[in-house]
Protein backbone atom coordinates (compact mmCIF):
# COMPACT_ATOMS: atom_id res chain seq x y z
CA MET A 1 0.00 0.00 0.00
CA THR A 2 1.32 3.41 -0.96
CA ARG A 3 1.72 6.13 1.62
CA ARG A 4 -1.13 8.09 0.03
CA ALA A 5 -3.48 5.09 0.24
CA ALA A 6 -2.53 4.44 3.85
CA ILE A 7 -3.26 8.04 4.83
CA LEU A 8 -6.65 7.85 3.07
CA ALA A 9 -7.57 4.62 4.84
CA ILE A 10 -6.67 6.08 8.23
CA CYS A 11 -8.78 9.17 7.54
CA LEU A 12 -11.76 7.04 6.53
CA ALA A 13 -11.41 4.94 9.68
CA LEU A 14 -11.25 8.05 11.87
CA ALA A 15 -14.31 9.49 10.17
CA ALA A 16 -16.23 6.28 10.65
CA GLY A 17 -15.16 6.19 14.27
CA LEU A 18 -16.30 9.73 14.90
CA LEU A 19 -19.62 9.04 13.26
CA GLY A 20 -20.06 5.76 15.09
CA THR A 21 -19.40 7.20 18.53
CA ARG A 22 -22.07 9.84 18.06
CA SER A 23 -25.76 9.01 18.55
CA TRP A 24 -27.87 10.86 16.06
CA THR A 25 -31.56 11.07 15.42
CA VAL A 26 -32.89 9.21 12.38
CA ALA A 27 -35.95 10.67 10.73
CA LEU A 28 -38.97 8.48 10.39
CA GLY A 29 -38.35 6.46 7.31
CA ARG A 30 -37.24 3.13 6.05
CA VAL A 31 -34.57 2.41 8.69
CA GLU A 32 -36.93 3.30 11.52
CA ARG A 33 -39.71 1.10 10.16
CA HIS A 34 -37.33 -1.81 9.72
CA ALA A 35 -35.94 -1.33 13.23
CA ILE A 36 -39.40 -1.27 14.83
CA HIS A 37 -40.47 -4.31 12.81
CA ALA A 38 -37.36 -6.21 13.93
CA VAL A 39 -38.06 -5.35 17.60
CA GLU A 40 -41.61 -6.66 17.28
CA GLN A 41 -40.47 -9.87 15.59
CA ARG A 42 -37.80 -10.62 18.20
CA THR A 43 -39.75 -9.71 21.35
CA GLY A 44 -43.41 -10.38 20.59
CA PHE A 45 -44.20 -6.79 21.60
CA ALA A 46 -45.90 -4.37 19.22
CA VAL A 47 -44.56 -0.81 19.50
CA THR A 48 -47.55 1.52 19.96
CA SER A 49 -45.74 4.85 20.36
CA LEU A 50 -42.28 6.35 20.77
CA GLU A 51 -40.57 9.72 20.99
CA ARG A 52 -37.52 9.15 18.80
CA VAL A 53 -35.18 6.59 17.28
CA GLU A 54 -31.39 6.79 17.59
CA PHE A 55 -28.72 4.82 15.75
CA ALA A 56 -25.03 4.30 16.66
CA LEU A 57 -22.25 2.10 15.23
CA LEU A 58 -19.63 2.09 17.98
CA PRO A 59 -18.65 0.64 20.33
CA LEU A 60 -21.40 -1.80 19.26
CA PRO A 61 -24.00 -1.26 16.56
CA ARG A 62 -27.26 -0.39 18.30
CA ILE A 63 -30.66 1.19 17.84
CA SER A 64 -32.35 3.00 20.72
CA LEU A 65 -36.05 3.81 21.04
CA SER A 66 -36.75 6.54 23.61
CA GLY A 67 -40.05 7.01 25.43
CA VAL A 68 -41.39 3.81 23.91
CA ALA A 69 -44.76 2.17 24.62
CA PHE A 70 -45.51 -1.41 23.62
CA ALA A 71 -47.92 -4.31 24.11
CA GLN A 72 -48.23 -8.00 23.36
CA ARG A 73 -50.57 -8.70 20.48
CA ASP A 74 -53.30 -10.18 22.69
CA GLY A 75 -52.96 -7.37 25.24
CA SER A 76 -51.88 -9.63 28.11
CA ILE A 77 -48.76 -7.50 28.60
CA SER A 78 -48.43 -3.79 27.88
CA GLY A 79 -46.15 -1.11 29.17
CA GLN A 80 -43.66 1.63 28.57
CA ALA A 81 -39.94 2.14 29.08
CA LEU A 82 -37.61 5.11 29.31
CA ARG A 83 -35.49 3.45 26.65
CA LEU A 84 -35.50 0.31 24.56
CA ARG A 85 -31.98 -0.41 23.35
CA GLY A 86 -31.37 -3.06 20.70
CA PHE A 87 -27.84 -4.36 20.01
CA LEU A 88 -27.54 -5.29 16.35
CA ARG A 89 -26.01 -8.44 14.91
CA LEU A 90 -23.09 -7.39 12.72
CA LEU A 91 -23.28 -9.98 9.93
CA PRO A 92 -26.98 -9.43 9.12
CA LEU A 93 -26.31 -5.68 9.22
CA LEU A 94 -23.62 -5.99 6.52
CA THR A 95 -26.20 -7.65 4.25
CA GLY A 96 -28.76 -4.89 4.89
CA GLN A 97 -30.81 -6.87 7.45
CA ILE A 98 -31.69 -5.65 10.97
CA ASP A 99 -31.53 -8.30 13.65
CA PHE A 100 -30.81 -8.08 17.35
CA ASP A 101 -28.48 -10.00 19.60
CA ARG A 102 -29.88 -8.38 22.76
CA ILE A 103 -32.66 -5.96 23.66
CA ASP A 104 -32.54 -3.94 26.89
CA LEU A 105 -35.60 -2.45 28.56
CA VAL A 106 -34.43 0.37 30.82
CA GLY A 107 -36.79 1.39 33.65
CA PRO A 108 -39.86 -0.34 32.19
CA GLN A 109 -43.31 -0.34 33.76
CA LEU A 110 -45.21 -3.41 32.60
CA ASP A 111 -48.93 -4.07 33.01
CA ILE A 112 -49.92 -7.76 33.03
CA ALA A 113 -53.61 -8.57 32.59
CA VAL A 114 -54.71 -11.29 35.03
CA PRO A 115 -58.10 -12.97 35.59
CA ALA A 116 -60.42 -11.01 37.86
CA GLY A 117 -60.33 -12.20 41.47
CA SER A 118 -57.36 -14.52 40.89
CA GLU A 119 -54.66 -14.75 43.56
CA SER A 120 -52.64 -17.60 42.07
CA VAL A 121 -49.16 -16.88 40.74
CA ILE A 122 -49.70 -19.62 38.12
CA ASP A 123 -52.82 -17.84 36.84
CA TRP A 124 -50.89 -14.58 36.67
CA LEU A 125 -48.01 -16.03 34.64
CA ALA A 126 -50.02 -18.25 32.27
CA PRO A 127 -51.19 -15.56 29.74
CA PRO A 128 -47.77 -13.92 29.09
CA LEU A 129 -46.03 -17.31 28.93
CA ALA A 130 -48.57 -18.50 26.38
CA GLU A 131 -47.76 -15.48 24.19
CA PHE A 132 -44.02 -16.03 24.42
CA GLU A 133 -44.56 -19.66 23.41
CA LYS A 134 -46.04 -18.48 20.11
CA LEU A 135 -42.75 -16.88 19.06
CA THR A 136 -40.62 -19.09 16.82
CA THR A 137 -37.49 -17.05 17.64
CA GLN A 138 -36.68 -14.53 20.33
CA SER A 139 -33.79 -12.22 21.15
CA ARG A 140 -32.25 -11.98 24.56
CA ILE A 141 -34.32 -9.47 26.57
CA VAL A 142 -32.78 -7.71 29.57
CA ILE A 143 -35.08 -5.90 32.03
CA ARG A 144 -33.40 -3.46 34.41
CA ALA A 145 -34.99 -1.60 37.34
CA GLY A 146 -38.47 -2.49 36.16
CA SER A 147 -41.89 -2.73 37.78
CA LEU A 148 -44.73 -5.14 37.06
CA PHE A 149 -48.34 -4.17 37.72
CA LEU A 150 -50.76 -7.09 37.80
CA ARG A 151 -54.18 -5.71 36.87
CA ALA A 152 -57.64 -7.21 36.62
CA GLY A 153 -60.22 -5.01 34.94
CA GLY A 154 -57.97 -1.99 35.48
CA ALA A 155 -57.62 -2.63 39.22
CA ILE A 156 -54.15 -3.43 40.58
CA GLN A 157 -54.00 -6.91 42.13
CA SER A 158 -50.30 -6.85 43.01
CA VAL A 159 -47.06 -4.98 42.25
CA VAL A 160 -43.61 -6.49 41.64
CA ARG A 161 -40.76 -4.02 42.09
CA ASP A 162 -37.00 -3.89 41.46
CA VAL A 163 -37.32 -6.31 38.55
CA ASP A 164 -33.93 -7.31 37.11
CA LEU A 165 -34.48 -10.22 34.74
CA VAL A 166 -32.81 -11.74 31.71
CA ILE A 167 -35.05 -13.59 29.25
CA GLY A 168 -32.78 -15.89 27.26
CA ALA A 169 -32.50 -15.87 23.47
CA ARG A 170 -33.99 -18.89 21.73
CA GLU A 171 -34.54 -20.31 18.28
CA ARG A 172 -37.33 -22.53 17.03
CA ASN A 173 -38.52 -25.17 19.55
CA GLN A 174 -35.98 -24.13 22.19
CA PRO A 175 -37.25 -23.64 25.76
CA PHE A 176 -38.18 -20.29 27.22
CA SER A 177 -35.79 -19.24 30.02
CA VAL A 178 -35.67 -16.38 32.50
CA ALA A 179 -33.27 -15.63 35.35
CA GLY A 180 -32.81 -12.75 37.75
CA ALA A 181 -34.35 -11.19 40.84
CA PHE A 182 -37.35 -9.12 41.90
CA ASN A 183 -38.98 -7.72 45.03
CA TRP A 184 -42.53 -8.88 45.67
CA ARG A 185 -44.47 -7.93 48.79
CA GLY A 186 -41.31 -6.69 50.48
CA THR A 187 -39.26 -9.83 49.89
CA LYS A 188 -36.40 -10.06 47.41
CA THR A 189 -36.44 -13.30 45.45
CA GLU A 190 -33.98 -14.82 43.02
CA VAL A 191 -35.50 -17.01 40.32
CA ASN A 192 -34.37 -19.19 37.42
CA LEU A 193 -36.97 -20.75 35.10
CA VAL A 194 -36.68 -22.98 32.04
CA TRP A 195 -40.04 -23.72 30.39
CA PRO A 196 -40.51 -25.72 27.16
CA VAL A 197 -42.57 -24.34 24.31
CA ILE A 198 -45.31 -26.35 22.63
CA GLY A 199 -43.79 -29.04 20.48
CA GLY A 200 -40.30 -28.18 21.66
CA SER A 201 -37.88 -29.39 24.31
CA ALA A 202 -39.53 -31.27 27.16
CA LYS A 203 -37.15 -30.04 29.85
CA ALA A 204 -38.62 -27.84 32.59
CA SER A 205 -36.95 -26.48 35.70
CA LEU A 206 -37.51 -23.83 38.34
CA SER A 207 -35.46 -22.59 41.24
CA ALA A 208 -36.38 -19.79 43.63
CA MET A 209 -34.65 -18.49 46.73
CA SER A 210 -35.73 -15.88 49.24
CA PRO A 211 -35.73 -15.48 53.04
CA LEU A 212 -39.10 -17.25 53.01
CA LEU A 213 -38.35 -20.31 50.87
CA LYS A 214 -35.90 -22.40 48.92
CA LEU A 215 -37.44 -24.20 45.96
CA ARG A 216 -36.03 -26.47 43.28
CA PHE A 217 -37.93 -28.34 40.57
CA ASP A 218 -36.44 -30.44 37.77
CA GLY A 219 -38.63 -32.32 35.33
CA ALA A 220 -40.30 -32.32 31.94
CA ARG A 221 -43.48 -31.13 30.32
CA SER A 222 -45.46 -33.46 28.09
CA GLY A 223 -46.65 -32.73 24.58
CA PRO A 224 -49.63 -30.52 23.70
CA ASP A 225 -52.11 -33.42 23.76
CA GLU A 226 -51.34 -34.17 27.42
CA PRO A 227 -50.46 -30.86 29.07
CA PHE A 228 -48.89 -31.93 32.36
CA VAL A 229 -45.51 -31.57 34.06
CA THR A 230 -43.68 -34.28 36.00
CA GLY A 231 -40.47 -34.10 37.99
CA THR A 232 -38.90 -33.86 41.42
CA LEU A 233 -39.69 -31.04 43.81
CA SER A 234 -37.71 -29.84 46.81
CA LEU A 235 -39.08 -27.03 48.97
CA SER A 236 -38.19 -25.72 52.41
CA ALA A 237 -39.54 -22.81 54.43
CA PRO A 238 -38.54 -21.63 57.92
CA SER A 239 -42.19 -20.71 58.58
CA LEU A 240 -45.10 -22.09 56.57
CA PRO A 241 -47.61 -19.45 57.81
CA ARG A 242 -45.26 -16.64 56.69
CA LEU A 243 -44.73 -18.32 53.31
CA LEU A 244 -48.46 -18.74 52.69
CA GLY A 245 -49.05 -15.18 53.86
CA TRP A 246 -46.53 -14.02 51.24
CA PHE A 247 -48.75 -15.60 48.60
CA GLY A 248 -51.83 -13.98 50.14
CA GLU A 249 -53.07 -17.18 51.77
CA ASN A 250 -54.04 -16.65 55.41
CA SER A 251 -54.98 -20.05 56.84
CA ARG A 252 -55.67 -20.59 60.52
CA LEU A 253 -54.88 -24.27 60.14
CA ALA A 254 -51.46 -23.44 58.65
CA ASP A 255 -50.66 -21.50 61.85
CA ALA A 256 -50.24 -24.89 63.52
CA LEU A 257 -47.07 -25.56 61.51
CA GLY A 258 -43.62 -24.02 61.78
CA ALA A 259 -40.56 -24.96 59.74
CA VAL A 260 -41.54 -27.21 56.81
CA SER A 261 -39.64 -29.03 54.10
CA LEU A 262 -41.06 -31.14 51.28
CA ASN A 263 -39.46 -33.53 48.81
CA ALA A 264 -41.77 -35.26 46.35
CA ASP A 265 -42.39 -36.51 42.84
CA LEU A 266 -44.59 -33.79 41.41
CA ARG A 267 -47.22 -34.26 38.71
CA LEU A 268 -48.70 -30.92 37.71
CA LYS A 269 -51.87 -30.65 35.62
CA PRO A 270 -54.21 -27.72 35.02
CA HIS A 271 -55.74 -26.88 38.41
CA GLU A 272 -54.20 -29.93 40.09
CA ALA A 273 -50.86 -30.88 41.66
CA SER A 274 -50.11 -34.40 42.91
CA PHE A 275 -47.23 -35.09 45.31
CA ASN A 276 -46.21 -38.75 45.19
CA ASN A 277 -43.52 -40.36 47.36
CA ALA A 278 -43.74 -37.21 49.46
CA ALA A 279 -41.40 -36.76 52.43
CA ILE A 280 -42.51 -33.89 54.67
CA SER A 281 -40.57 -32.58 57.66
CA LEU A 282 -42.55 -30.65 60.30
CA ASP A 283 -40.09 -29.04 62.71
CA GLY A 284 -37.75 -31.98 62.08
CA GLU A 285 -40.39 -34.73 62.36
CA ARG A 286 -40.78 -36.66 59.11
CA LEU A 287 -44.00 -37.87 57.52
CA ASP A 288 -44.18 -39.91 54.29
CA GLY A 289 -47.08 -40.46 51.92
CA VAL A 290 -49.04 -38.84 49.11
CA MET A 291 -50.87 -35.51 48.80
CA LYS A 292 -52.90 -33.66 46.21
CA LEU A 293 -53.72 -29.98 45.82
CA ALA A 294 -56.61 -29.22 43.49
CA GLU A 295 -58.83 -26.30 42.55
CA ALA A 296 -62.51 -26.61 41.67
CA ASP A 297 -65.02 -23.77 41.34
CA GLY A 298 -62.42 -21.33 42.64
CA ARG A 299 -61.89 -23.28 45.89
CA MET A 300 -58.61 -24.96 46.81
CA ALA A 301 -58.64 -28.48 48.29
CA LEU A 302 -55.77 -30.32 49.99
CA SER A 303 -55.97 -34.08 50.55
CA GLY A 304 -53.49 -36.75 51.50
CA THR A 305 -52.44 -39.69 53.61
CA LEU A 306 -49.22 -39.45 55.65
CA ALA A 307 -47.42 -41.75 58.08
CA GLY A 308 -44.39 -41.27 60.28
CA SER A 309 -42.50 -42.26 63.39
CA THR A 310 -43.21 -39.36 65.78
CA LEU A 311 -45.36 -36.23 65.88
CA ASP A 312 -45.88 -33.57 68.55
CA LEU A 313 -49.64 -33.04 68.42
CA GLY A 314 -49.51 -30.80 71.47
CA ARG A 315 -47.18 -28.34 69.75
CA ILE A 316 -49.47 -28.24 66.71
CA ILE A 317 -52.54 -27.53 68.87
CA GLU A 318 -50.73 -24.85 70.90
CA ARG A 319 -49.95 -22.89 67.74
CA LEU A 320 -53.55 -22.81 66.57
CA PRO A 321 -55.36 -19.53 67.29
CA LEU A 322 -58.01 -21.33 69.34
CA PRO A 323 -60.47 -19.17 71.26
CA ALA A 324 -60.62 -19.62 75.03
CA ILE A 325 -63.61 -21.71 76.09
CA ASP A 326 -65.53 -19.24 78.23
CA GLY A 327 -69.18 -19.80 79.01
CA SER A 328 -69.64 -16.07 79.55
CA ASP A 329 -68.17 -15.10 76.17
CA ARG A 330 -70.90 -13.70 73.93
CA SER A 331 -68.68 -12.79 70.95
CA PRO A 332 -69.87 -14.54 67.77
CA PHE A 333 -68.18 -17.63 66.38
CA GLU A 334 -66.07 -17.23 63.23
CA LEU A 335 -66.35 -20.65 61.62
CA GLU A 336 -65.68 -19.18 58.16
CA GLY A 337 -62.07 -18.49 59.14
CA TRP A 338 -61.52 -22.22 59.75
CA THR A 339 -63.29 -23.52 56.63
CA GLY A 340 -61.95 -21.28 53.87
CA ARG A 341 -60.20 -24.20 52.11
CA ASP A 342 -61.15 -27.86 51.77
CA VAL A 343 -58.87 -30.27 53.67
CA ASP A 344 -58.89 -34.06 53.92
CA LEU A 345 -55.73 -35.22 55.69
CA ARG A 346 -55.19 -38.62 57.37
CA ILE A 347 -52.08 -38.96 59.52
CA SER A 348 -50.79 -41.97 61.42
CA VAL A 349 -47.63 -42.17 63.54
CA ASP A 350 -45.98 -44.74 65.77
CA ALA A 351 -45.72 -42.32 68.70
CA ALA A 352 -47.12 -38.89 69.50
CA ARG A 353 -47.05 -36.34 72.31
CA LEU A 354 -50.15 -34.46 73.45
CA LYS A 355 -49.83 -31.92 76.27
CA GLY A 356 -47.24 -34.10 77.99
CA ALA A 357 -49.09 -37.37 77.41
CA ARG A 358 -47.28 -40.07 75.43
CA LEU A 359 -49.42 -41.85 72.85
CA ALA A 360 -48.66 -44.81 70.59
CA ASP A 361 -50.13 -46.16 67.34
CA VAL A 362 -51.93 -42.89 66.65
CA ALA A 363 -54.30 -42.28 63.75
CA THR A 364 -55.73 -38.77 63.43
CA TYR A 365 -57.48 -36.76 60.75
CA VAL A 366 -58.65 -33.29 59.70
CA LEU A 367 -61.69 -32.94 57.41
CA VAL A 368 -62.79 -29.47 56.30
CA LYS A 369 -65.54 -28.51 53.87
CA ARG A 370 -67.33 -25.23 53.34
CA GLY A 371 -69.13 -24.54 56.63
CA ARG A 372 -67.90 -27.78 58.24
CA PHE A 373 -64.84 -28.51 60.40
CA GLU A 374 -64.07 -31.96 61.80
CA THR A 375 -61.04 -33.46 63.50
CA GLY A 376 -60.32 -36.27 65.91
CA LEU A 377 -58.38 -39.32 67.04
CA LEU A 378 -59.44 -42.46 65.24
CA ARG A 379 -57.29 -44.47 67.62
CA ALA A 380 -54.44 -44.05 70.10
CA ALA A 381 -52.86 -46.33 72.69
CA ALA A 382 -51.89 -44.70 75.99
CA TYR A 383 -50.59 -46.13 79.28
CA GLY A 384 -52.04 -49.57 78.73
CA GLY A 385 -55.37 -48.29 77.43
CA THR A 386 -56.91 -46.58 74.42
CA LEU A 387 -58.19 -43.12 73.48
CA LYS A 388 -60.63 -41.91 70.83
CA GLY A 389 -62.15 -38.51 70.17
CA ARG A 390 -64.05 -36.43 67.65
CA LEU A 391 -64.93 -32.74 67.29
CA LEU A 392 -67.41 -31.61 64.65
CA ALA A 393 -68.53 -28.01 64.06
CA MET A 394 -71.02 -27.15 61.31
CA ALA A 395 -72.73 -23.96 60.24
CA ALA A 396 -76.41 -24.05 61.23
CA PRO A 397 -79.38 -21.65 61.36
CA ALA A 398 -78.82 -21.34 65.12
CA GLY A 399 -75.17 -20.41 64.62
CA VAL A 400 -72.69 -23.27 64.90
CA ASP A 401 -73.73 -26.84 65.67
CA VAL A 402 -71.02 -28.60 67.71
CA LYS A 403 -70.69 -32.30 68.50
CA ILE A 404 -68.05 -33.65 70.90
CA GLN A 405 -67.31 -37.33 71.47
CA ALA A 406 -64.52 -38.86 73.54
CA ALA A 407 -63.71 -42.28 74.99
CA VAL A 408 -60.88 -43.36 77.30
CA ASP A 409 -60.63 -47.03 78.23
CA LYS A 410 -58.42 -48.92 80.71
CA VAL A 411 -55.77 -46.22 81.11
CA ASN A 412 -53.23 -46.62 83.93
CA LEU A 413 -53.69 -43.28 85.67
CA GLY A 414 -50.64 -43.73 87.87
CA GLN A 415 -48.40 -43.91 84.81
CA ALA A 416 -50.29 -41.10 83.08
CA GLY A 417 -49.95 -38.83 86.12
CA ALA A 418 -46.17 -38.87 85.78
CA ASP A 419 -46.55 -37.05 82.41
CA VAL A 420 -49.82 -35.15 82.91
CA PRO A 421 -49.86 -33.03 86.10
CA ALA A 422 -53.67 -32.79 86.08
CA LEU A 423 -53.82 -36.57 86.75
CA SER A 424 -51.06 -36.70 89.35
CA ARG A 425 -53.53 -37.12 92.24
CA LEU A 426 -55.00 -40.30 90.76
CA SER A 427 -53.85 -43.87 90.33
CA GLY A 428 -55.53 -47.05 89.20
CA THR A 429 -57.20 -48.05 85.93
CA GLY A 430 -59.61 -45.45 84.63
CA GLY A 431 -61.96 -44.73 81.77
CA MET A 432 -64.24 -41.98 80.51
CA GLN A 433 -67.04 -41.53 77.98
CA LEU A 434 -68.40 -38.22 76.72
CA ALA A 435 -71.00 -37.34 74.09
CA LEU A 436 -72.25 -33.75 73.87
CA ASP A 437 -73.91 -31.61 71.25
CA GLY A 438 -75.29 -28.12 71.11
CA ALA A 439 -75.71 -25.08 68.92
CA GLY A 440 -75.18 -21.37 69.40
CA ARG A 441 -73.77 -18.16 67.99
CA SER A 442 -71.31 -17.74 70.86
CA PHE A 443 -69.73 -19.81 73.63
CA ALA A 444 -72.34 -18.51 76.05
CA GLU A 445 -75.17 -19.80 73.84
CA LEU A 446 -73.39 -23.03 72.96
CA VAL A 447 -72.52 -24.06 76.53
CA GLY A 448 -76.01 -23.14 77.67
CA ALA A 449 -77.47 -25.43 74.99
CA LEU A 450 -75.27 -28.50 75.48
CA SER A 451 -76.98 -31.84 75.89
CA GLY A 452 -75.74 -35.41 76.08
CA ARG A 453 -74.15 -37.76 78.59
CA ALA A 454 -70.89 -38.36 80.43
CA GLY A 455 -69.39 -41.12 82.54
CA VAL A 456 -66.15 -41.97 84.40
CA GLN A 457 -64.80 -45.16 85.98
CA LEU A 458 -61.85 -45.99 88.22
CA ARG A 459 -60.73 -49.34 89.62
CA GLN A 460 -58.07 -50.38 92.12
CA GLY A 461 -56.49 -47.00 92.67
CA GLU A 462 -55.98 -44.08 95.02
CA ILE A 463 -56.95 -40.43 95.28
CA THR A 464 -54.40 -38.10 96.87
CA GLY A 465 -55.51 -35.10 98.93
CA VAL A 466 -58.69 -36.72 100.23
CA ALA A 467 -59.06 -38.63 103.52
CA LEU A 468 -62.51 -40.25 103.52
CA THR A 469 -61.77 -42.82 106.23
CA ASP A 470 -60.53 -40.01 108.45
CA LEU A 471 -63.82 -38.16 107.91
CA LEU A 472 -65.70 -41.24 109.10
CA LYS A 473 -63.57 -41.49 112.21
CA ARG A 474 -64.21 -37.83 112.96
CA ALA A 475 -67.92 -38.47 112.42
CA GLU A 476 -67.81 -41.20 115.07
CA ARG A 477 -66.24 -38.74 117.53
CA GLY A 478 -68.44 -35.81 116.45
CA ALA A 479 -65.29 -33.86 115.49
CA ALA A 480 -65.09 -30.99 112.98
CA LEU A 481 -63.73 -31.36 109.46
CA PRO A 482 -59.93 -31.11 109.24
CA PRO A 483 -58.30 -28.04 107.60
CA ALA A 484 -57.03 -28.44 104.04
CA ARG A 485 -53.34 -28.42 105.01
CA GLU A 486 -53.86 -31.66 106.95
CA THR A 487 -55.36 -33.49 103.98
CA ARG A 488 -52.97 -32.55 101.20
CA GLN A 489 -50.80 -35.62 101.73
CA SER A 490 -53.70 -37.91 102.61
CA ARG A 491 -54.70 -40.83 100.43
CA THR A 492 -57.93 -42.68 99.90
CA ASP A 493 -57.83 -46.08 98.29
CA VAL A 494 -60.47 -46.82 95.66
CA ASP A 495 -61.80 -50.26 94.86
CA THR A 496 -64.39 -49.02 92.37
CA LEU A 497 -65.61 -45.63 91.24
CA SER A 498 -68.35 -45.03 88.70
CA ALA A 499 -70.24 -41.87 87.87
CA ASN A 500 -72.79 -41.28 85.13
CA ALA A 501 -74.49 -38.03 84.28
CA GLY A 502 -76.97 -36.60 81.84
CA VAL A 503 -76.61 -33.15 80.33
CA ALA A 504 -79.51 -30.95 79.23
CA ASN A 505 -79.44 -27.24 78.36
CA GLY A 506 -75.99 -26.80 79.85
CA LEU A 507 -76.81 -28.49 83.18
CA LEU A 508 -75.02 -31.72 84.12
CA VAL A 509 -77.02 -33.85 86.57
CA LEU A 510 -75.54 -36.94 88.22
CA THR A 511 -77.74 -39.95 87.74
CA ASP A 512 -75.50 -42.53 89.44
CA ALA A 513 -72.25 -41.80 91.26
CA GLN A 514 -70.72 -44.34 93.67
CA MET A 515 -67.24 -44.91 95.09
CA SER A 516 -66.14 -47.59 97.54
CA GLY A 517 -62.94 -48.67 99.23
CA THR A 518 -61.57 -50.12 102.42
CA GLY A 519 -63.83 -48.96 105.24
CA TYR A 520 -66.13 -46.56 103.35
CA ARG A 521 -68.81 -46.06 100.71
CA LEU A 522 -69.42 -42.71 99.02
CA GLY A 523 -72.48 -41.61 97.10
CA LEU A 524 -72.73 -38.35 95.21
CA ALA A 525 -75.78 -36.51 93.87
CA GLY A 526 -76.34 -33.07 92.45
CA SER A 527 -75.53 -30.95 89.44
CA LEU A 528 -72.89 -28.87 87.66
CA GLN A 529 -73.75 -25.69 85.79
CA LEU A 530 -71.46 -25.86 82.73
CA ARG A 531 -71.72 -22.19 81.79
CA ASN A 532 -70.27 -20.85 85.06
CA ARG A 533 -68.68 -24.19 86.16
CA GLU A 534 -70.47 -24.09 89.54
CA LEU A 535 -71.06 -27.23 91.64
CA ASP A 536 -74.14 -27.90 93.72
CA MET A 537 -73.79 -31.45 95.05
CA THR A 538 -74.25 -33.52 98.15
CA ALA A 539 -71.99 -36.39 99.18
CA THR A 540 -73.03 -39.20 101.51
CA LEU A 541 -70.13 -40.98 103.21
CA ALA A 542 -70.83 -44.16 105.19
CA ALA A 543 -69.02 -47.10 106.73
CA PRO A 544 -69.68 -50.51 105.12
CA GLY A 545 -71.89 -51.59 108.01
CA GLY A 546 -73.71 -48.27 108.12
CA ALA A 547 -72.64 -47.51 111.69
CA SER A 548 -71.15 -44.13 110.83
CA LYS A 549 -72.37 -41.63 108.29
CA ALA A 550 -71.38 -38.14 107.10
CA MET A 551 -73.29 -35.73 104.90
CA LEU A 552 -71.17 -33.19 102.96
CA ALA A 553 -72.16 -30.38 100.60
CA LEU A 554 -69.94 -29.42 97.63
CA LYS A 555 -70.60 -25.93 96.34
CA GLY A 556 -68.76 -23.31 94.32
CA PRO A 557 -66.34 -23.39 91.39
CA ILE A 558 -65.30 -26.81 90.19
CA GLU A 559 -61.59 -25.91 90.42
CA ALA A 560 -61.83 -25.38 94.19
CA PRO A 561 -65.22 -26.33 95.66
CA PHE A 562 -66.25 -25.43 99.20
CA VAL A 563 -66.85 -28.63 101.18
CA ALA A 564 -68.79 -28.60 104.46
CA PRO A 565 -71.68 -30.39 106.17
CA PRO A 566 -75.03 -29.16 104.85
CA SER A 567 -76.87 -26.83 107.19
CA GLU A 568 -79.60 -29.38 107.81
CA ALA A 569 -77.21 -32.23 108.58
CA ARG A 570 -74.70 -32.86 111.37
CA LEU A 571 -71.72 -35.15 111.51
CA ASN A 572 -72.89 -38.33 113.26
CA GLY A 573 -76.22 -36.58 113.88
CA ASP A 574 -75.20 -33.98 116.48
CA SER A 575 -72.28 -31.80 115.36
CA GLU A 576 -71.51 -29.37 112.55
CA GLY A 577 -68.03 -29.31 111.03
CA SER A 578 -65.83 -26.42 109.97
CA PRO A 579 -65.29 -25.60 106.28
CA LEU A 580 -62.78 -27.50 104.17
CA TRP A 581 -61.36 -26.31 100.78
CA LEU A 582 -60.14 -29.00 98.43
CA GLY A 583 -57.75 -28.55 95.56
CA ARG A 584 -55.84 -25.59 96.99
């Protein structure tokens, strides 16, 4: 090359460089129309308005649309951005074609149309994903500092902020992919999604990480004739109630659970997710089985059967926001808050804990329908005996109709008392039966309407804190009742104890109550007002031969009744005793 040619080439290169480093406005014309058409072809967005178009060659060939507004063809996504910057492919440009290697959306605000009343993330994402699937090819799309507004009928359902996402480039039949981070409902989340298009690659994967959850799914989507996804799912959350609350699901039943992890084979179909070979950890206690989550008529339903080694039922119950049972409480029941979602769960474990009690071979269940809540123990072994129970609450014209059933059979109360302080004063083999039902709009109405029956039995045991034989001896001498401090360490042996009662309109009336042991027989008659838990009973204490006899009245609160001879009776016929308080 001659010196003159070299100087000319250098001058041309400098001129091109100066021109390329300068952005300059292109008048509306052929280049602009081709650029806009290329953007629409490679993004699926139709440009609806813009302020200006700029073109630059260096450092990379690019076209910039300022103040641009756009929308997907079906209107599921629309929005605007401060700038849409498209980086051109060099080889197509040399042949006079405009094609993009990458398209950046700077500061976009995107509106996504979602179904009215929907709160499901899947429902929100389905329309835009369906539109992206229709594209045969797509450039890499980078979203920086964006915001997503989810709208239904013009009303904002939710807002996603600080959106920094990269939608991967793809050619025909390649999967759709997106990776990045966003802030939704005050929680930053990192996400990575690979989703196959119709007729394309079957691979599907999703990972998400935030302070509220860690999620990983790897699987495949079937063909268009059978639209379902199968794969393995791994999910963990430090607090299930907080995680569900993040998704807008406020469930009182979920409040019973804390840290949760789930590993399962997932089969996902429209409006249904099946979890097979599921391994669930509840605060470190593992349950295995199958579950299904389905939606019908806009109502979610969870069902499943789980089995495990251990489960702390007491901890689960303590976390529930249960109202205090107060017969004077006239605030209305809120059954709707407990029956917002359908539930049908059956759980069995080898061992369970319930308020200190140790149970074995436990089978329990929760069954929830609209306006109906039911739970109970189908079976449980405890201290040589068995336990069963059932609670049913249903919406009724009178408020809430409640049914309670319980049965305890052949339980060793001495062993149980070592774990349950409320039973520490008893020993022997005991049992109990209870069947009550009532209806009301508040606890005051419900307790005042209870009807049914109750019964207890005890054999070959002792009662601590009661000295019945001593009372008989005092009756023989005409002495007063002993003070409570002298009876706290006393014991009364029990050969047999049986008590049966009927309940009507909140009043429990003893129909047959007898207790006998060495040197005494005790009969009890009277009533218990369930609403205010007040006793009004009379006890007859006699020696086996009938030589000595004591009449005692039990009145006052059931937790600490006042015990004294009735005013019309005297110990051994001629002497009144001083008061005695039991249970203090």
